């Protein structure tokens, strides 16, 4: 029977996967393209994307802005804004490969930037807050312009299409990084468009997400009190801002952040040992509006590591695996086996249990 759009939903739709070489050895984006292609049926061609870390070693001291432009006017106005706030050390159109399956692409440009010293001093902000505010301002105020990547020595590449096609479109086999994440999207409550594809990023953070956030409005309203603005028409965007707020501004650890956004039930907390009970009780009371409800599994990318986290009821699948220096995270074991058939260890994390993989020596 012919099914029309809107008459059915894929409750397990979307695919996430990631890999990190903890020794810091570089690998191309080719393996991620192969891995995500195994989960083709979790997507529907309305969104795919990748984040790569360590891909810009020659410009590692500069913020790498990736932007979509829908009009020439938007590009002119945005570039004028960038020149007023940053030194642009290099800029270019991002090189892509024409594919019949990837259509209606916007202008896609890349800028390597450093804040202008006088502007930064006059702002009375630290450098990362200055950059974050500029990103949020462009996305909220510049019509038809969107910053979709803004970290150092990392980059996000995304668009409308199946993820394996998006990877080929961006020629990711030509990039090398020590960690990669990727996402195949099956939009449920929000539109499939270039800015709404995953990953979502701010500074060095990137998030890919399978699921939907029933607490989105409460989460969004809370974050907007601190200057964040959700403009990209996808609930996942707010996860990135929550993590940035808790990690960069409040100084929480990744484990503590997991206890905020995927907090245990009160009944579960009551049965924990005293120290854990006190810590988790404090975090739940401090940040009640940042509990994320609804089914989700996410991979958080950041400088030097990846974190896997699922909702406390484990309503979305997630598998972690290890082979030598490499660690893998995926919605399905099959995607990992595609690129690494023989594994040293494979397991499924419990609901709300963070799994963190980092470069060796990062916390020393």
Protein backbone atom coordinates (compact mmCIF):
# COMPACT_ATOMS: atom_id res chain seq x y z
CA UNK A 1 0.00 0.00 0.00
CA UNK A 2 1.28 3.46 -0.88
CA UNK A 3 2.11 5.42 2.29
CA UNK A 4 1.97 9.19 2.26
CA UNK A 5 4.27 11.45 4.24
CA UNK A 6 2.77 12.02 7.68
CA UNK A 7 0.75 8.76 7.73
CA UNK A 8 3.43 6.76 9.48
CA UNK A 9 6.43 7.21 11.75
CA UNK A 10 9.60 5.23 12.25
CA UNK A 11 9.87 5.07 16.06
CA UNK A 12 13.49 3.96 15.97
CA UNK A 13 14.54 6.34 13.21
CA UNK A 14 17.84 8.21 13.10
CA UNK A 15 21.26 6.62 13.37
CA UNK A 16 24.33 7.76 15.28
CA UNK A 17 27.86 6.43 15.23
CA UNK A 18 31.31 7.59 16.23
CA UNK A 19 34.93 6.52 16.55
CA UNK A 20 37.98 7.83 18.37
CA UNK A 21 41.58 6.67 18.22
CA UNK A 22 42.75 7.31 21.76
CA UNK A 23 46.40 7.36 20.68
CA UNK A 24 45.64 10.43 18.55
CA UNK A 25 46.38 8.66 15.28
CA UNK A 26 44.49 10.22 12.38
CA UNK A 27 41.94 8.42 10.18
CA UNK A 28 39.94 9.68 7.24
CA UNK A 29 36.18 10.12 7.19
CA UNK A 30 35.89 7.09 4.89
CA UNK A 31 35.24 4.63 7.71
CA UNK A 32 32.40 6.71 9.10
CA UNK A 33 30.79 6.87 5.67
CA UNK A 34 30.97 3.07 5.49
CA UNK A 35 29.61 2.61 9.02
CA UNK A 36 26.63 4.92 8.64
CA UNK A 37 25.71 3.40 5.28
CA UNK A 38 24.85 0.12 7.06
CA UNK A 39 22.05 1.99 8.89
CA UNK A 40 20.64 3.49 5.69
CA UNK A 41 17.06 2.49 6.56
CA UNK A 42 17.12 4.51 9.78
CA UNK A 43 17.27 7.67 7.65
CA UNK A 44 14.93 8.96 4.97
CA UNK A 45 17.20 11.27 3.00
CA UNK A 46 16.25 14.46 4.86
CA UNK A 47 19.42 14.90 6.86
CA UNK A 48 22.93 13.59 7.36
CA UNK A 49 26.11 14.96 8.82
CA UNK A 50 29.55 14.41 10.32
CA UNK A 51 31.91 16.04 12.81
CA UNK A 52 35.66 15.53 12.58
CA UNK A 53 38.23 16.43 15.26
CA UNK A 54 41.86 17.25 14.53
CA UNK A 55 41.13 17.94 10.86
CA UNK A 56 42.66 21.44 10.66
CA UNK A 57 46.20 21.12 12.11
CA UNK A 58 47.58 24.01 10.04
CA UNK A 59 44.97 26.37 11.50
CA UNK A 60 44.58 24.73 14.92
CA UNK A 61 44.91 28.03 16.81
CA UNK A 62 42.00 29.66 14.95
CA UNK A 63 38.25 29.16 15.18
CA UNK A 64 36.94 27.42 12.09
CA UNK A 65 33.53 28.82 11.15
CA UNK A 66 31.45 26.85 8.64
CA UNK A 67 28.49 28.81 7.28
CA UNK A 68 25.46 28.24 5.09
CA UNK A 69 24.26 31.16 2.99
CA UNK A 70 20.91 31.14 1.22
CA UNK A 71 21.43 34.51 -0.52
CA UNK A 72 24.31 36.67 -1.70
CA UNK A 73 23.03 39.48 0.50
CA UNK A 74 23.24 37.23 3.56
CA UNK A 75 26.86 36.42 2.73
CA UNK A 76 27.77 40.09 2.28
CA UNK A 77 26.16 41.14 5.54
CA UNK A 78 27.62 38.27 7.51
CA UNK A 79 31.14 38.72 6.17
CA UNK A 80 30.93 42.41 7.10
CA UNK A 81 29.95 41.37 10.64
CA UNK A 82 32.83 38.91 10.81
CA UNK A 83 35.33 41.55 9.71
CA UNK A 84 34.09 43.90 12.44
CA UNK A 85 34.65 41.29 15.14
CA UNK A 86 37.43 39.00 13.93
CA UNK A 87 40.66 38.82 12.03
CA UNK A 88 40.02 36.49 9.09
CA UNK A 89 43.25 34.65 8.37
CA UNK A 90 41.83 32.50 5.57
CA UNK A 91 38.44 31.96 3.93
CA UNK A 92 37.13 29.90 1.04
CA UNK A 93 34.14 28.07 -0.30
CA UNK A 94 34.12 24.53 1.09
CA UNK A 95 34.97 22.16 -1.72
CA UNK A 96 32.21 19.68 -2.49
CA UNK A 97 31.46 16.96 -5.02
CA UNK A 98 28.34 17.24 -7.17
CA UNK A 99 25.98 14.33 -6.59
CA UNK A 100 22.52 13.78 -8.11
CA UNK A 101 21.20 12.77 -4.68
CA UNK A 102 22.26 16.02 -2.96
CA UNK A 103 20.19 18.94 -4.23
CA UNK A 104 19.42 22.57 -3.50
CA UNK A 105 22.56 23.13 -1.50
CA UNK A 106 23.13 26.64 -0.12
CA UNK A 107 26.42 28.51 -0.38
CA UNK A 108 28.84 26.71 1.96
CA UNK A 109 31.87 28.67 3.16
CA UNK A 110 34.68 28.30 5.70
CA UNK A 111 36.53 30.99 7.68
CA UNK A 112 39.49 30.68 10.04
CA UNK A 113 39.18 33.45 12.60
CA UNK A 114 40.66 35.08 15.69
CA UNK A 115 38.83 37.73 17.76
CA UNK A 116 40.06 41.28 17.18
CA UNK A 117 42.05 42.13 20.34
CA UNK A 118 40.43 45.55 20.86
CA UNK A 119 36.92 44.20 20.32
CA UNK A 120 37.60 41.36 22.73
CA UNK A 121 39.04 43.66 25.39
CA UNK A 122 36.13 46.09 25.11
CA UNK A 123 33.61 43.26 25.44
CA UNK A 124 34.91 42.33 28.93
CA UNK A 125 34.29 38.69 28.00
CA UNK A 126 36.65 35.76 27.87
CA UNK A 127 37.53 34.64 24.35
CA UNK A 128 35.25 31.60 24.17
CA UNK A 129 32.23 33.51 25.44
CA UNK A 130 32.93 36.27 22.91
CA UNK A 131 33.02 33.76 20.06
CA UNK A 132 29.91 31.91 21.28
CA UNK A 133 27.92 35.15 21.47
CA UNK A 134 28.95 36.07 17.93
CA UNK A 135 27.79 32.67 16.66
CA UNK A 136 24.43 32.95 18.43
CA UNK A 137 23.96 36.50 17.16
CA UNK A 138 24.59 35.53 13.54
CA UNK A 139 22.17 32.62 13.73
CA UNK A 140 19.47 34.68 15.42
CA UNK A 141 19.81 38.01 13.61
CA UNK A 142 21.37 37.44 10.19
CA UNK A 143 18.61 36.43 7.80
CA UNK A 144 19.52 33.44 5.59
CA UNK A 145 22.93 32.89 7.22
CA UNK A 146 23.77 30.06 9.64
CA UNK A 147 26.98 29.21 11.47
CA UNK A 148 26.90 25.43 11.81
CA UNK A 149 30.46 24.85 13.07
CA UNK A 150 32.67 27.13 15.17
CA UNK A 151 35.37 25.14 17.01
CA UNK A 152 39.14 25.01 16.79
CA UNK A 153 40.77 22.19 14.81
CA UNK A 154 37.39 20.55 14.15
CA UNK A 155 34.58 20.86 11.68
CA UNK A 156 30.96 19.88 11.10
CA UNK A 157 29.73 18.90 7.65
CA UNK A 158 26.00 18.37 7.16
CA UNK A 159 23.10 18.73 4.76
CA UNK A 160 19.91 17.29 3.31
CA UNK A 161 20.44 13.78 1.98
CA UNK A 162 21.35 10.33 3.17
CA UNK A 163 24.45 10.54 5.38
CA UNK A 164 26.65 8.43 3.13
CA UNK A 165 25.84 10.80 0.27
CA UNK A 166 26.53 13.84 2.44
CA UNK A 167 29.92 12.37 3.35
CA UNK A 168 30.78 11.91 -0.32
CA UNK A 169 29.40 15.35 -1.13
CA UNK A 170 31.85 16.95 1.32
CA UNK A 171 34.73 14.70 0.17
CA UNK A 172 35.38 13.56 3.73
CA UNK A 173 37.73 10.84 2.56
CA UNK A 174 40.17 13.73 2.04
CA UNK A 175 40.04 14.85 5.71
CA UNK A 176 41.94 13.20 8.56
CA UNK A 177 41.00 13.39 12.24
CA UNK A 178 41.49 11.47 15.49
CA UNK A 179 37.73 11.31 16.13
CA UNK A 180 34.58 11.31 14.03
CA UNK A 181 30.85 11.25 14.68
CA UNK A 182 28.03 11.01 12.18
CA UNK A 183 24.25 11.02 11.98
CA UNK A 184 21.51 9.84 9.68
CA UNK A 185 18.30 11.75 10.23
CA UNK A 186 14.67 10.71 10.15
CA UNK A 187 12.83 13.97 10.99
CA UNK A 188 9.76 13.48 13.15
CA UNK A 189 8.49 16.78 14.54
CA UNK A 190 10.68 19.30 12.75
CA UNK A 191 11.54 19.97 9.08
CA UNK A 192 14.33 18.35 7.13
CA UNK A 193 16.54 21.23 5.97
CA UNK A 194 20.25 22.01 5.75
CA UNK A 195 20.51 23.89 9.03
CA UNK A 196 18.42 21.30 10.85
CA UNK A 197 20.64 18.33 10.03
CA UNK A 198 22.90 16.95 12.77
CA UNK A 199 25.49 17.41 14.24
CA UNK A 200 24.70 20.60 16.11
CA UNK A 201 27.72 22.48 17.39
CA UNK A 202 28.96 25.39 19.45
CA UNK A 203 32.70 26.01 19.84
CA UNK A 204 34.32 22.55 20.04
CA UNK A 205 31.12 20.76 21.12
CA UNK A 206 29.06 18.70 18.70
CA UNK A 207 25.98 16.56 19.32
CA UNK A 208 24.31 13.84 17.27
CA UNK A 209 21.02 12.52 18.61
CA UNK A 210 18.58 9.70 17.96
CA UNK A 211 15.17 10.34 19.53
CA UNK A 212 12.98 13.28 20.44
CA UNK A 213 12.88 15.62 23.40
CA UNK A 214 9.50 15.95 25.08
CA UNK A 215 10.99 18.48 27.54
CA UNK A 216 12.21 20.75 24.73
CA UNK A 217 10.12 23.82 25.59
CA UNK A 218 11.13 23.77 29.26
CA UNK A 219 14.78 23.20 28.35
CA UNK A 220 14.73 25.94 25.71
CA UNK A 221 13.08 28.54 27.94
CA UNK A 222 15.64 27.92 30.67
CA UNK A 223 18.59 28.23 28.31
CA UNK A 224 17.26 31.42 26.75
CA UNK A 225 17.55 33.08 30.18
CA UNK A 226 21.33 32.80 29.73
CA UNK A 227 21.56 34.25 26.23
CA UNK A 228 21.21 31.10 24.13
CA UNK A 229 18.70 31.20 21.28
CA UNK A 230 17.33 28.14 19.51
CA UNK A 231 16.89 29.09 15.86
CA UNK A 232 17.60 25.95 13.82
CA UNK A 233 14.16 24.31 14.11
CA UNK A 234 15.31 21.05 15.66
CA UNK A 235 15.00 20.00 19.30
CA UNK A 236 18.55 18.61 19.38
CA UNK A 237 20.02 22.11 19.20
CA UNK A 238 19.15 22.72 22.84
CA UNK A 239 21.21 19.71 24.00
CA UNK A 240 24.36 21.37 22.67
CA UNK A 241 23.59 24.57 24.55
CA UNK A 242 22.78 22.71 27.78
CA UNK A 243 26.14 20.92 27.66
CA UNK A 244 28.00 24.15 26.83
CA UNK A 245 26.31 25.94 29.74
CA UNK A 246 27.00 23.20 32.28
CA UNK A 247 30.52 22.40 31.09
CA UNK A 248 31.97 25.78 30.15
CA UNK A 249 30.00 28.17 32.34
CA UNK A 250 29.17 26.11 35.43
CA UNK A 251 32.30 23.94 35.46
CA UNK A 252 30.59 20.56 35.82
CA UNK A 253 32.32 17.36 34.79
CA UNK A 254 30.90 15.20 32.02
CA UNK A 255 29.75 12.65 34.60
CA UNK A 256 27.91 15.38 36.51
CA UNK A 257 26.33 16.65 33.29
CA UNK A 258 25.03 13.14 32.64
CA UNK A 259 23.42 13.18 36.10
CA UNK A 260 21.67 16.44 35.16
CA UNK A 261 20.32 15.68 31.69
CA UNK A 262 19.69 11.94 32.22
CA UNK A 263 19.06 12.05 35.96
CA UNK A 264 18.01 8.92 37.81
CA UNK A 265 14.52 8.71 39.27
CA UNK A 266 14.22 9.96 42.85
CA UNK A 267 13.45 6.41 43.99
CA UNK A 268 16.68 5.18 42.39
CA UNK A 269 18.74 7.98 43.93
CA UNK A 270 17.32 7.19 47.39
CA UNK A 271 18.81 3.68 47.24
CA UNK A 272 22.35 4.78 46.29
CA UNK A 273 25.33 5.08 48.61
CA UNK A 274 25.45 8.28 50.63
CA UNK A 275 28.04 10.18 48.59
CA UNK A 276 26.35 9.40 45.25
CA UNK A 277 22.93 10.10 46.73
CA UNK A 278 24.00 13.52 48.00
CA UNK A 279 25.70 14.49 44.72
CA UNK A 280 22.82 13.46 42.47
CA UNK A 281 20.24 15.03 44.76
CA UNK A 282 22.13 18.32 44.68
CA UNK A 283 22.41 18.28 40.88
CA UNK A 284 18.71 17.50 40.39
CA UNK A 285 17.74 20.34 42.70
CA UNK A 286 20.17 22.83 41.14
CA UNK A 287 19.16 22.20 37.51
CA UNK A 288 15.62 20.77 37.44
CA UNK A 289 14.80 22.48 34.13
CA UNK A 290 17.71 20.80 32.37
CA UNK A 291 16.48 17.24 32.81
CA UNK A 292 15.89 15.93 29.28
CA UNK A 293 12.85 13.69 29.01
CA UNK A 294 11.79 11.52 26.11
CA UNK A 295 13.74 8.86 24.25
CA UNK A 296 17.29 9.73 23.28
CA UNK A 297 20.74 8.39 22.63
CA UNK A 298 23.43 10.98 21.96
CA UNK A 299 27.10 11.14 21.12
CA UNK A 300 28.82 14.27 22.38
CA UNK A 301 32.04 15.23 20.64
CA UNK A 302 34.51 17.63 22.20
CA UNK A 303 38.19 18.47 21.98
CA UNK A 304 39.97 15.28 22.96
CA UNK A 305 37.03 12.93 23.44
CA UNK A 306 33.61 11.44 22.85
CA UNK A 307 30.81 10.69 25.31
CA UNK A 308 27.89 8.30 24.74
CA UNK A 309 24.72 8.80 26.77
CA UNK A 310 21.21 7.38 26.59
CA UNK A 311 18.01 8.33 28.37
CA UNK A 312 17.42 6.83 31.80
CA UNK A 313 14.81 4.36 30.50
CA UNK A 314 17.04 3.26 27.59
CA UNK A 315 14.34 3.89 25.00
CA UNK A 316 16.90 4.19 22.20
CA UNK A 317 19.60 1.68 21.35
CA UNK A 318 23.31 2.34 21.83
CA UNK A 319 26.33 0.03 21.63
CA UNK A 320 29.94 0.74 22.61
CA UNK A 321 32.97 -1.27 21.54
CA UNK A 322 36.75 -1.22 21.74
CA UNK A 323 39.58 -2.55 19.61
CA UNK A 324 43.12 -1.64 20.60
CA UNK A 325 43.39 2.14 20.76
CA UNK A 326 40.09 2.67 18.97
CA UNK A 327 36.69 3.02 20.62
CA UNK A 328 33.36 2.91 18.82
CA UNK A 329 29.82 4.08 19.60
CA UNK A 330 26.80 3.29 17.45
CA UNK A 331 23.06 2.77 17.29
CA UNK A 332 23.71 -0.72 15.94
CA UNK A 333 26.48 -3.26 16.36
CA UNK A 334 26.38 -3.95 12.62
CA UNK A 335 27.76 -0.49 11.84
CA UNK A 336 30.77 -1.11 14.08
CA UNK A 337 31.34 -4.60 12.68
CA UNK A 338 31.33 -3.14 9.17
CA UNK A 339 34.58 -1.27 9.85
CA UNK A 340 36.02 -3.45 12.65
CA UNK A 341 34.84 -7.08 12.44
CA UNK A 342 37.01 -8.33 15.32
CA UNK A 343 36.52 -6.48 18.61
CA UNK A 344 38.21 -6.72 22.01
CA UNK A 345 35.07 -5.68 23.88
CA UNK A 346 31.48 -4.79 23.08
CA UNK A 347 28.68 -3.78 25.46
CA UNK A 348 25.44 -1.83 25.75
CA UNK A 349 25.52 0.93 28.40
CA UNK A 350 22.73 1.13 30.94
CA UNK A 351 20.19 3.92 30.65
CA UNK A 352 21.64 7.20 31.90
CA UNK A 353 25.15 5.72 32.13
CA UNK A 354 27.77 7.92 30.41
CA UNK A 355 30.57 6.19 28.52
CA UNK A 356 33.54 8.49 27.97
CA UNK A 357 36.48 7.86 25.67
CA UNK A 358 39.36 10.35 25.59
CA UNK A 359 42.82 10.74 24.11
CA UNK A 360 45.42 9.10 26.31
CA UNK A 361 46.86 11.51 28.86
CA UNK A 362 44.20 14.17 28.31
CA UNK A 363 43.29 14.34 32.00
CA UNK A 364 46.86 13.94 33.30
